[in-house]
Amino acid sequence: MNKKERTILNRSLHRDISYFFLGLIIAFSISGIALNHRENFNPQEYTVKTEAFQINVPQDETLITNEFLKNISNQISDEEYRGNRKRGKNIRLYFKDAFASLDPKTGKGEIEYVKTIPVLGQMTILHKTTNVWWIWFSDIFGIAMLTIAITGMFIAKGKNSFSKRGWWLATLGLIFPFIFLFLIH
């Protein structure tokens, strides 16, 4: 394959893969930015209402088992009960569209009903899902992003080519993640 054919192939791969993954690139970019700021707001869901509750709990906390929590869950919410976990001194109960915090000593708690933020909420789920088919598609997407990056290195010619100008911009772009990596850890 001569130089002209390689250039045409690089441009074609770069363009066509970019077109194919355009929607996912935009979704990952927007939701990734939102997830970077999740300490300031929850990009996946918003609270519809919050209610306090009081239930009777056994004095012996060892009796507050998964089965006990499942049985009393309908006293807290009509939503479908999904499970629980210990979180600090409290117990966190998870429902279909709600979550509750229960003090196992007093039986006092608070339930928060939530709704998914339209579009943005679904896009953030893409980052966290463990669906096997989505993982395979995401891996293919990762390979496609590598292909876009590599083919992009060989598209420009002359003074703007990778060997003349692009390598130092690419090096600069690699330095920043490493600086943050060392500063964070």
N, C-alpha and C. Protein backbone atom coordinates (compact mmCIF):
# COMPACT_ATOMS: atom_id res chain seq x y z
N MET A 1 0.86 -1.17 0.00
CA MET A 1 0.00 0.00 0.00
C MET A 1 0.91 1.24 0.00
N ASN A 2 0.67 2.10 -0.96
CA ASN A 2 1.51 3.30 -1.04
C ASN A 2 1.02 4.38 -0.06
N LYS A 3 1.77 5.48 0.02
CA LYS A 3 1.50 6.54 0.98
C LYS A 3 0.12 7.17 0.76
N LYS A 4 -0.27 7.37 -0.48
CA LYS A 4 -1.56 7.99 -0.79
C LYS A 4 -2.71 7.07 -0.35
N GLU A 5 -2.56 5.77 -0.60
CA GLU A 5 -3.60 4.81 -0.20
C GLU A 5 -3.72 4.73 1.32
N ARG A 6 -2.59 4.79 2.03
CA ARG A 6 -2.62 4.77 3.50
C ARG A 6 -3.32 6.01 4.03
N THR A 7 -3.05 7.17 3.40
CA THR A 7 -3.69 8.41 3.83
C THR A 7 -5.19 8.33 3.63
N ILE A 8 -5.62 7.83 2.49
CA ILE A 8 -7.06 7.68 2.21
C ILE A 8 -7.69 6.71 3.21
N LEU A 9 -7.00 5.59 3.48
CA LEU A 9 -7.51 4.61 4.44
C LEU A 9 -7.63 5.24 5.84
N ASN A 10 -6.59 5.96 6.28
CA ASN A 10 -6.63 6.61 7.60
C ASN A 10 -7.79 7.60 7.69
N ARG A 11 -7.94 8.43 6.67
CA ARG A 11 -9.03 9.42 6.67
C ARG A 11 -10.39 8.73 6.70
N SER A 12 -10.52 7.69 5.90
CA SER A 12 -11.80 6.97 5.82
C SER A 12 -12.14 6.30 7.15
N LEU A 13 -11.16 5.61 7.76
CA LEU A 13 -11.40 4.96 9.05
C LEU A 13 -11.73 6.00 10.12
N HIS A 14 -10.95 7.06 10.15
CA HIS A 14 -11.15 8.13 11.14
C HIS A 14 -12.56 8.72 11.02
N ARG A 15 -12.93 9.05 9.80
CA ARG A 15 -14.25 9.68 9.55
C ARG A 15 -15.39 8.72 9.85
N ASP A 16 -15.34 7.51 9.29
CA ASP A 16 -16.47 6.59 9.40
C ASP A 16 -16.67 6.07 10.82
N ILE A 17 -15.58 5.78 11.53
CA ILE A 17 -15.72 5.34 12.93
C ILE A 17 -16.25 6.49 13.77
N SER A 18 -15.79 7.71 13.51
CA SER A 18 -16.30 8.88 14.24
C SER A 18 -17.79 9.06 13.99
N TYR A 19 -18.22 8.92 12.75
CA TYR A 19 -19.65 9.05 12.45
C TYR A 19 -20.46 7.97 13.18
N PHE A 20 -19.98 6.73 13.15
CA PHE A 20 -20.71 5.63 13.75
C PHE A 20 -20.88 5.82 15.26
N PHE A 21 -19.82 6.26 15.93
CA PHE A 21 -19.85 6.39 17.39
C PHE A 21 -20.17 7.81 17.87
N LEU A 22 -20.62 8.70 16.99
CA LEU A 22 -20.89 10.08 17.35
C LEU A 22 -21.83 10.19 18.55
N GLY A 23 -22.94 9.48 18.52
CA GLY A 23 -23.91 9.56 19.62
C GLY A 23 -23.31 9.12 20.94
N LEU A 24 -22.55 8.02 20.92
CA LEU A 24 -21.95 7.52 22.16
C LEU A 24 -20.84 8.45 22.64
N ILE A 25 -20.09 9.04 21.73
CA ILE A 25 -19.05 10.00 22.12
C ILE A 25 -19.70 11.18 22.83
N ILE A 26 -20.78 11.70 22.28
CA ILE A 26 -21.48 12.83 22.90
C ILE A 26 -22.07 12.41 24.26
N ALA A 27 -22.72 11.25 24.32
CA ALA A 27 -23.33 10.78 25.58
C ALA A 27 -22.27 10.58 26.66
N PHE A 28 -21.16 9.93 26.33
CA PHE A 28 -20.11 9.71 27.31
C PHE A 28 -19.46 11.02 27.73
N SER A 29 -19.32 11.95 26.81
CA SER A 29 -18.70 13.24 27.14
C SER A 29 -19.58 14.02 28.11
N ILE A 30 -20.85 14.16 27.79
CA ILE A 30 -21.76 14.94 28.64
C ILE A 30 -21.93 14.28 30.00
N SER A 31 -22.20 12.98 30.01
CA SER A 31 -22.42 12.31 31.30
C SER A 31 -21.13 12.20 32.09
N GLY A 32 -19.99 12.08 31.42
CA GLY A 32 -18.70 12.06 32.12
C GLY A 32 -18.44 13.37 32.82
N ILE A 33 -18.74 14.48 32.15
CA ILE A 33 -18.59 15.80 32.78
C ILE A 33 -19.51 15.90 33.99
N ALA A 34 -20.75 15.45 33.83
CA ALA A 34 -21.71 15.50 34.94
C ALA A 34 -21.23 14.65 36.11
N LEU A 35 -20.71 13.45 35.83
CA LEU A 35 -20.24 12.58 36.90
C LEU A 35 -19.01 13.16 37.60
N ASN A 36 -18.22 13.95 36.89
CA ASN A 36 -17.08 14.61 37.53
C ASN A 36 -17.52 15.58 38.61
N HIS A 37 -18.76 16.03 38.54
CA HIS A 37 -19.27 17.01 39.50
C HIS A 37 -20.34 16.42 40.41
N ARG A 38 -20.31 15.12 40.62
CA ARG A 38 -21.35 14.47 41.42
C ARG A 38 -21.29 14.84 42.90
N GLU A 39 -20.23 15.48 43.36
CA GLU A 39 -20.22 15.98 44.74
C GLU A 39 -21.11 17.20 44.88
N ASN A 40 -21.35 17.91 43.76
CA ASN A 40 -22.18 19.11 43.78
C ASN A 40 -23.65 18.80 43.50
N PHE A 41 -23.91 17.79 42.70
CA PHE A 41 -25.28 17.38 42.41
C PHE A 41 -25.28 15.94 41.92
N ASN A 42 -26.42 15.29 42.03
CA ASN A 42 -26.55 13.91 41.56
C ASN A 42 -27.02 13.95 40.11
N PRO A 43 -26.15 13.58 39.16
CA PRO A 43 -26.53 13.66 37.76
C PRO A 43 -27.47 12.54 37.31
N GLN A 44 -27.72 11.58 38.18
CA GLN A 44 -28.55 10.45 37.79
C GLN A 44 -30.00 10.59 38.22
N GLU A 45 -30.23 11.15 39.41
CA GLU A 45 -31.60 11.22 39.89
C GLU A 45 -31.80 12.45 40.77
N TYR A 46 -33.06 12.79 40.99
CA TYR A 46 -33.40 13.90 41.86
C TYR A 46 -34.47 13.46 42.85
N THR A 47 -34.51 14.14 43.99
CA THR A 47 -35.45 13.79 45.05
C THR A 47 -36.81 14.40 44.77
N VAL A 48 -37.84 13.56 44.84
CA VAL A 48 -39.21 14.01 44.66
C VAL A 48 -39.81 14.44 45.99
N LYS A 49 -39.61 13.59 47.01
CA LYS A 49 -40.08 13.95 48.36
C LYS A 49 -39.31 13.13 49.39
N THR A 50 -39.30 13.64 50.60
CA THR A 50 -38.64 12.99 51.72
C THR A 50 -39.64 12.89 52.87
N GLU A 51 -39.69 11.73 53.52
CA GLU A 51 -40.61 11.52 54.63
C GLU A 51 -39.90 10.86 55.80
N ALA A 52 -40.24 11.29 57.00
CA ALA A 52 -39.72 10.64 58.20
C ALA A 52 -40.63 9.44 58.51
N PHE A 53 -40.08 8.43 59.16
CA PHE A 53 -40.89 7.28 59.58
C PHE A 53 -40.37 6.77 60.92
N GLN A 54 -41.21 5.99 61.56
CA GLN A 54 -40.85 5.36 62.84
C GLN A 54 -41.38 3.93 62.78
N ILE A 55 -40.52 2.96 63.04
CA ILE A 55 -40.96 1.56 63.11
C ILE A 55 -40.47 0.97 64.43
N ASN A 56 -41.10 -0.11 64.83
CA ASN A 56 -40.67 -0.82 66.03
C ASN A 56 -39.54 -1.77 65.66
N VAL A 57 -38.44 -1.64 66.38
CA VAL A 57 -37.28 -2.51 66.13
C VAL A 57 -36.95 -3.26 67.42
N PRO A 58 -36.42 -4.46 67.30
CA PRO A 58 -36.03 -5.22 68.50
C PRO A 58 -34.90 -4.51 69.25
N GLN A 59 -34.89 -4.66 70.56
CA GLN A 59 -33.82 -4.06 71.38
C GLN A 59 -32.47 -4.68 71.02
N ASP A 60 -32.49 -5.98 70.76
CA ASP A 60 -31.27 -6.69 70.38
C ASP A 60 -31.04 -6.48 68.88
N GLU A 61 -30.02 -5.70 68.54
CA GLU A 61 -29.77 -5.36 67.13
C GLU A 61 -29.43 -6.58 66.27
N THR A 62 -28.98 -7.67 66.89
CA THR A 62 -28.67 -8.87 66.11
C THR A 62 -29.93 -9.49 65.50
N LEU A 63 -31.10 -9.10 66.02
CA LEU A 63 -32.36 -9.60 65.49
C LEU A 63 -32.83 -8.81 64.25
N ILE A 64 -32.14 -7.71 63.99
CA ILE A 64 -32.48 -6.91 62.79
C ILE A 64 -31.72 -7.52 61.61
N THR A 65 -32.29 -8.58 61.08
CA THR A 65 -31.67 -9.34 60.00
C THR A 65 -32.24 -8.90 58.65
N ASN A 66 -31.69 -9.47 57.60
CA ASN A 66 -32.22 -9.21 56.25
C ASN A 66 -33.69 -9.59 56.17
N GLU A 67 -34.05 -10.72 56.76
CA GLU A 67 -35.43 -11.19 56.73
C GLU A 67 -36.35 -10.23 57.50
N PHE A 68 -35.90 -9.77 58.66
CA PHE A 68 -36.67 -8.80 59.44
C PHE A 68 -36.92 -7.53 58.62
N LEU A 69 -35.87 -7.00 58.00
CA LEU A 69 -35.99 -5.77 57.21
C LEU A 69 -36.92 -5.96 56.01
N LYS A 70 -36.82 -7.12 55.39
CA LYS A 70 -37.71 -7.41 54.25
C LYS A 70 -39.17 -7.43 54.72
N ASN A 71 -39.42 -8.04 55.86
CA ASN A 71 -40.79 -8.15 56.38
C ASN A 71 -41.38 -6.80 56.79
N ILE A 72 -40.56 -5.90 57.30
CA ILE A 72 -41.09 -4.60 57.74
C ILE A 72 -40.99 -3.52 56.65
N SER A 73 -40.42 -3.86 55.52
CA SER A 73 -40.22 -2.86 54.45
C SER A 73 -41.53 -2.22 54.00
N ASN A 74 -42.62 -2.98 54.02
CA ASN A 74 -43.91 -2.42 53.59
C ASN A 74 -44.45 -1.38 54.59
N GLN A 75 -43.92 -1.34 55.80
CA GLN A 75 -44.28 -0.30 56.77
C GLN A 75 -43.58 1.02 56.44
N ILE A 76 -42.51 0.92 55.66
CA ILE A 76 -41.72 2.11 55.31
C ILE A 76 -42.15 2.67 53.97
N SER A 77 -42.41 1.77 53.00
CA SER A 77 -42.77 2.23 51.65
C SER A 77 -43.57 1.16 50.91
N ASP A 78 -44.39 1.63 49.98
CA ASP A 78 -45.12 0.72 49.09
C ASP A 78 -44.25 0.29 47.91
N GLU A 79 -43.11 0.96 47.74
CA GLU A 79 -42.21 0.62 46.63
C GLU A 79 -41.63 -0.78 46.85
N GLU A 80 -41.23 -1.41 45.76
CA GLU A 80 -40.64 -2.75 45.82
C GLU A 80 -39.32 -2.71 46.58
N TYR A 81 -39.21 -3.56 47.60
CA TYR A 81 -37.99 -3.64 48.42
C TYR A 81 -36.91 -4.35 47.62
N ARG A 82 -35.68 -3.81 47.63
CA ARG A 82 -34.59 -4.37 46.84
C ARG A 82 -33.40 -4.84 47.66
N GLY A 83 -33.32 -4.46 48.93
CA GLY A 83 -32.20 -4.92 49.75
C GLY A 83 -31.76 -3.86 50.74
N ASN A 84 -30.65 -4.18 51.44
CA ASN A 84 -30.15 -3.26 52.45
C ASN A 84 -28.66 -3.47 52.64
N ARG A 85 -28.07 -2.52 53.35
CA ARG A 85 -26.69 -2.68 53.78
C ARG A 85 -26.44 -1.75 54.96
N LYS A 86 -25.50 -2.13 55.78
CA LYS A 86 -25.11 -1.32 56.94
C LYS A 86 -24.28 -0.15 56.41
N ARG A 87 -24.61 1.05 56.86
CA ARG A 87 -23.88 2.24 56.43
C ARG A 87 -23.60 3.08 57.66
N GLY A 88 -22.39 2.98 58.17
CA GLY A 88 -22.07 3.65 59.43
C GLY A 88 -22.87 3.02 60.56
N LYS A 89 -23.53 3.85 61.34
CA LYS A 89 -24.36 3.34 62.45
C LYS A 89 -25.76 3.01 61.98
N ASN A 90 -26.12 3.46 60.78
CA ASN A 90 -27.47 3.26 60.26
C ASN A 90 -27.53 2.10 59.27
N ILE A 91 -28.77 1.73 58.94
CA ILE A 91 -29.01 0.72 57.91
C ILE A 91 -29.64 1.43 56.73
N ARG A 92 -29.12 1.17 55.56
CA ARG A 92 -29.64 1.77 54.33
C ARG A 92 -30.53 0.73 53.66
N LEU A 93 -31.79 1.11 53.41
CA LEU A 93 -32.74 0.21 52.74
C LEU A 93 -32.97 0.74 51.33
N TYR A 94 -32.98 -0.15 50.37
CA TYR A 94 -33.13 0.23 48.97
C TYR A 94 -34.46 -0.28 48.43
N PHE A 95 -35.17 0.62 47.78
CA PHE A 95 -36.46 0.31 47.15
C PHE A 95 -36.35 0.65 45.68
N LYS A 96 -37.39 0.30 44.90
CA LYS A 96 -37.36 0.53 43.45
C LYS A 96 -37.04 1.99 43.12
N ASP A 97 -37.77 2.93 43.62
CA ASP A 97 -37.54 4.35 43.35
C ASP A 97 -37.36 5.15 44.64
N ALA A 98 -36.68 4.55 45.61
CA ALA A 98 -36.49 5.23 46.89
C ALA A 98 -35.37 4.54 47.66
N PHE A 99 -34.87 5.25 48.64
CA PHE A 99 -33.94 4.65 49.59
C PHE A 99 -34.21 5.27 50.96
N ALA A 100 -33.93 4.48 52.00
CA ALA A 100 -34.23 4.93 53.36
C ALA A 100 -33.02 4.71 54.24
N SER A 101 -32.94 5.53 55.26
CA SER A 101 -31.90 5.40 56.28
C SER A 101 -32.62 5.11 57.60
N LEU A 102 -32.22 4.04 58.27
CA LEU A 102 -32.88 3.59 59.50
C LEU A 102 -31.87 3.53 60.63
N ASP A 103 -32.22 4.15 61.76
CA ASP A 103 -31.41 4.05 62.97
C ASP A 103 -31.85 2.77 63.69
N PRO A 104 -31.00 1.75 63.76
CA PRO A 104 -31.43 0.47 64.33
C PRO A 104 -31.66 0.52 65.85
N LYS A 105 -31.20 1.56 66.52
CA LYS A 105 -31.41 1.68 67.97
C LYS A 105 -32.79 2.26 68.29
N THR A 106 -33.22 3.25 67.49
CA THR A 106 -34.47 3.96 67.79
C THR A 106 -35.63 3.58 66.88
N GLY A 107 -35.33 3.04 65.69
CA GLY A 107 -36.38 2.73 64.72
C GLY A 107 -36.82 3.95 63.91
N LYS A 108 -36.15 5.10 64.15
CA LYS A 108 -36.47 6.30 63.38
C LYS A 108 -35.69 6.27 62.07
N GLY A 109 -36.31 6.86 61.06
CA GLY A 109 -35.65 6.88 59.77
C GLY A 109 -36.23 7.92 58.85
N GLU A 110 -35.66 7.97 57.68
CA GLU A 110 -36.12 8.90 56.65
C GLU A 110 -36.02 8.19 55.30
N ILE A 111 -37.08 8.35 54.52
CA ILE A 111 -37.09 7.76 53.18
C ILE A 111 -37.11 8.88 52.15
N GLU A 112 -36.35 8.67 51.10
CA GLU A 112 -36.23 9.67 50.03
C GLU A 112 -36.70 9.01 48.73
N TYR A 113 -37.74 9.58 48.14
CA TYR A 113 -38.26 9.09 46.87
C TYR A 113 -37.55 9.84 45.74
N VAL A 114 -37.09 9.11 44.75
CA VAL A 114 -36.29 9.72 43.68
C VAL A 114 -36.85 9.37 42.31
N LYS A 115 -36.50 10.21 41.34
CA LYS A 115 -36.82 9.97 39.93
C LYS A 115 -35.53 10.14 39.14
N THR A 116 -35.41 9.40 38.04
CA THR A 116 -34.25 9.54 37.17
C THR A 116 -34.35 10.83 36.38
N ILE A 117 -33.24 11.56 36.29
CA ILE A 117 -33.20 12.77 35.48
C ILE A 117 -33.30 12.33 34.02
N PRO A 118 -34.28 12.86 33.28
CA PRO A 118 -34.43 12.44 31.88
C PRO A 118 -33.14 12.68 31.09
N VAL A 119 -32.81 11.76 30.25
CA VAL A 119 -31.67 11.74 29.34
C VAL A 119 -30.34 11.68 30.11
N LEU A 120 -30.01 12.69 30.90
CA LEU A 120 -28.73 12.70 31.62
C LEU A 120 -28.63 11.51 32.57
N GLY A 121 -29.70 11.19 33.25
CA GLY A 121 -29.70 10.04 34.16
C GLY A 121 -29.43 8.74 33.43
N GLN A 122 -30.06 8.56 32.28
CA GLN A 122 -29.82 7.35 31.50
C GLN A 122 -28.39 7.31 30.96
N MET A 123 -27.86 8.47 30.57
CA MET A 123 -26.48 8.50 30.05
C MET A 123 -25.48 8.13 31.15
N THR A 124 -25.72 8.56 32.39
CA THR A 124 -24.78 8.21 33.46
C THR A 124 -24.80 6.72 33.77
N ILE A 125 -25.94 6.10 33.55
CA ILE A 125 -26.05 4.66 33.78
C ILE A 125 -25.10 3.90 32.84
N LEU A 126 -24.86 4.45 31.65
CA LEU A 126 -23.95 3.81 30.70
C LEU A 126 -22.55 3.61 31.30
N HIS A 127 -22.12 4.52 32.15
CA HIS A 127 -20.79 4.42 32.76
C HIS A 127 -20.72 3.32 33.81
N LYS A 128 -21.87 2.95 34.38
CA LYS A 128 -21.86 2.05 35.52
C LYS A 128 -22.44 0.66 35.26
N THR A 129 -23.11 0.49 34.15
CA THR A 129 -23.81 -0.77 33.92
C THR A 129 -22.84 -1.94 33.80
N THR A 130 -23.28 -3.10 34.24
CA THR A 130 -22.46 -4.31 34.15
C THR A 130 -23.08 -5.34 33.21
N ASN A 131 -24.01 -4.91 32.38
CA ASN A 131 -24.62 -5.79 31.39
C ASN A 131 -23.54 -6.32 30.45
N VAL A 132 -23.50 -7.62 30.26
CA VAL A 132 -22.45 -8.26 29.47
C VAL A 132 -22.39 -7.70 28.05
N TRP A 133 -23.56 -7.53 27.43
CA TRP A 133 -23.56 -7.03 26.06
C TRP A 133 -23.06 -5.59 26.00
N TRP A 134 -23.42 -4.78 27.00
CA TRP A 134 -22.94 -3.40 27.02
C TRP A 134 -21.43 -3.36 27.24
N ILE A 135 -20.91 -4.23 28.08
CA ILE A 135 -19.47 -4.27 28.31
C ILE A 135 -18.73 -4.59 27.02
N TRP A 136 -19.26 -5.56 26.25
CA TRP A 136 -18.63 -5.88 24.96
C TRP A 136 -18.69 -4.69 24.01
N PHE A 137 -19.85 -4.04 23.95
CA PHE A 137 -19.98 -2.87 23.08
C PHE A 137 -19.05 -1.75 23.53
N SER A 138 -18.92 -1.56 24.84
CA SER A 138 -18.01 -0.53 25.37
C SER A 138 -16.56 -0.85 25.06
N ASP A 139 -16.21 -2.13 25.10
CA ASP A 139 -14.85 -2.53 24.72
C ASP A 139 -14.58 -2.22 23.25
N ILE A 140 -15.56 -2.50 22.40
CA ILE A 140 -15.44 -2.18 20.97
C ILE A 140 -15.32 -0.67 20.80
N PHE A 141 -16.09 0.08 21.58
CA PHE A 141 -16.02 1.54 21.55
C PHE A 141 -14.62 2.01 21.95
N GLY A 142 -14.04 1.40 22.98
CA GLY A 142 -12.68 1.75 23.41
C GLY A 142 -11.66 1.51 22.30
N ILE A 143 -11.80 0.38 21.62
CA ILE A 143 -10.91 0.08 20.48
C ILE A 143 -11.12 1.10 19.37
N ALA A 144 -12.39 1.48 19.14
CA ALA A 144 -12.69 2.48 18.12
C ALA A 144 -12.06 3.82 18.47
N MET A 145 -12.08 4.20 19.76
CA MET A 145 -11.47 5.47 20.17
C MET A 145 -9.96 5.43 19.94
N LEU A 146 -9.34 4.27 20.21
CA LEU A 146 -7.91 4.12 19.91
C LEU A 146 -7.66 4.25 18.41
N THR A 147 -8.52 3.66 17.61
CA THR A 147 -8.38 3.75 16.15
C THR A 147 -8.52 5.20 15.68
N ILE A 148 -9.49 5.91 16.24
CA ILE A 148 -9.67 7.33 15.88
C ILE A 148 -8.42 8.12 16.25
N ALA A 149 -7.88 7.86 17.45
CA ALA A 149 -6.69 8.59 17.89
C ALA A 149 -5.48 8.27 17.00
N ILE A 150 -5.29 7.01 16.68
CA ILE A 150 -4.12 6.61 15.88
C ILE A 150 -4.26 7.09 14.44
N THR A 151 -5.42 6.90 13.84
CA THR A 151 -5.58 7.37 12.46
C THR A 151 -5.50 8.88 12.38
N GLY A 152 -5.95 9.57 13.43
CA GLY A 152 -5.87 11.03 13.45
C GLY A 152 -4.43 11.53 13.43
N MET A 153 -3.52 10.72 13.95
CA MET A 153 -2.11 11.10 13.94
C MET A 153 -1.54 11.18 12.53
N PHE A 154 -2.14 10.49 11.59
CA PHE A 154 -1.56 10.39 10.25
C PHE A 154 -2.36 11.12 9.18
N ILE A 155 -3.34 11.90 9.57
CA ILE A 155 -4.16 12.61 8.59
C ILE A 155 -3.49 13.89 8.11
N ALA A 156 -3.00 14.70 9.04
CA ALA A 156 -2.40 16.00 8.66
C ALA A 156 -1.04 15.79 8.00
N LYS A 157 -0.72 16.68 7.08
CA LYS A 157 0.57 16.63 6.38
C LYS A 157 1.30 17.95 6.59
N GLY A 158 2.57 17.96 6.24
CA GLY A 158 3.35 19.20 6.26
C GLY A 158 3.66 19.68 7.66
N LYS A 159 3.62 21.02 7.85
CA LYS A 159 4.02 21.62 9.13
C LYS A 159 3.07 21.26 10.28
N ASN A 160 1.85 20.80 9.99
CA ASN A 160 0.90 20.41 11.02
C ASN A 160 0.84 18.91 11.24
N SER A 161 1.76 18.16 10.65
CA SER A 161 1.76 16.71 10.78
C SER A 161 2.14 16.29 12.20
N PHE A 162 1.89 15.04 12.51
CA PHE A 162 2.20 14.52 13.84
C PHE A 162 3.70 14.61 14.12
N SER A 163 4.51 14.28 13.13
CA SER A 163 5.96 14.27 13.36
C SER A 163 6.53 15.68 13.53
N LYS A 164 5.87 16.70 12.99
CA LYS A 164 6.38 18.07 13.10
C LYS A 164 5.79 18.80 14.32
N ARG A 165 4.50 18.68 14.53
CA ARG A 165 3.82 19.46 15.57
C ARG A 165 3.02 18.61 16.55
N GLY A 166 2.40 17.57 16.05
CA GLY A 166 1.46 16.78 16.85
C GLY A 166 2.08 16.05 18.02
N TRP A 167 3.34 15.60 17.87
CA TRP A 167 3.95 14.81 18.94
C TRP A 167 4.09 15.60 20.23
N TRP A 168 4.42 16.90 20.12
CA TRP A 168 4.60 17.66 21.36
C TRP A 168 3.26 17.99 22.00
N LEU A 169 2.22 18.19 21.19
CA LEU A 169 0.88 18.39 21.77
C LEU A 169 0.40 17.10 22.43
N ALA A 170 0.67 15.96 21.79
CA ALA A 170 0.29 14.67 22.38
C ALA A 170 1.05 14.43 23.68
N THR A 171 2.32 14.77 23.72
CA THR A 171 3.12 14.62 24.93
C THR A 171 2.58 15.51 26.04
N LEU A 172 2.26 16.75 25.71
CA LEU A 172 1.68 17.67 26.68
C LEU A 172 0.35 17.13 27.21
N GLY A 173 -0.45 16.56 26.31
CA GLY A 173 -1.73 15.97 26.71
C GLY A 173 -1.57 14.77 27.62
N LEU A 174 -0.45 14.04 27.49
CA LEU A 174 -0.18 12.90 28.36
C LEU A 174 0.36 13.32 29.72
N ILE A 175 1.04 14.44 29.76
CA ILE A 175 1.64 14.91 31.02
C ILE A 175 0.57 15.23 32.06
N PHE A 176 -0.51 15.90 31.65
CA PHE A 176 -1.54 16.32 32.61
C PHE A 176 -2.17 15.15 33.36
N PRO A 177 -2.58 14.06 32.69
CA PRO A 177 -3.14 12.95 33.49
C PRO A 177 -2.14 12.37 34.48
N PHE A 178 -0.87 12.31 34.09
CA PHE A 178 0.13 11.78 35.02
C PHE A 178 0.35 12.71 36.21
N ILE A 179 0.33 14.03 35.98
CA ILE A 179 0.46 14.98 37.08
C ILE A 179 -0.69 14.78 38.07
N PHE A 180 -1.92 14.70 37.56
CA PHE A 180 -3.07 14.51 38.45
C PHE A 180 -3.03 13.15 39.14
N LEU A 181 -2.57 12.14 38.43
CA LEU A 181 -2.47 10.80 39.00
C LEU A 181 -1.53 10.82 40.20
N PHE A 182 -0.39 11.49 40.08
CA PHE A 182 0.57 11.54 41.19
C PHE A 182 0.11 12.47 42.31
N LEU A 183 -0.63 13.53 41.97
CA LEU A 183 -1.14 14.44 42.99
C LEU A 183 -2.27 13.82 43.80
N ILE A 184 -3.07 12.99 43.16
CA ILE A 184 -4.22 12.38 43.82
C ILE A 184 -3.78 11.26 44.75
N HIS A 185 -2.79 10.48 44.34
CA HIS A 185 -2.36 9.33 45.16
C HIS A 185 -1.19 9.66 45.98
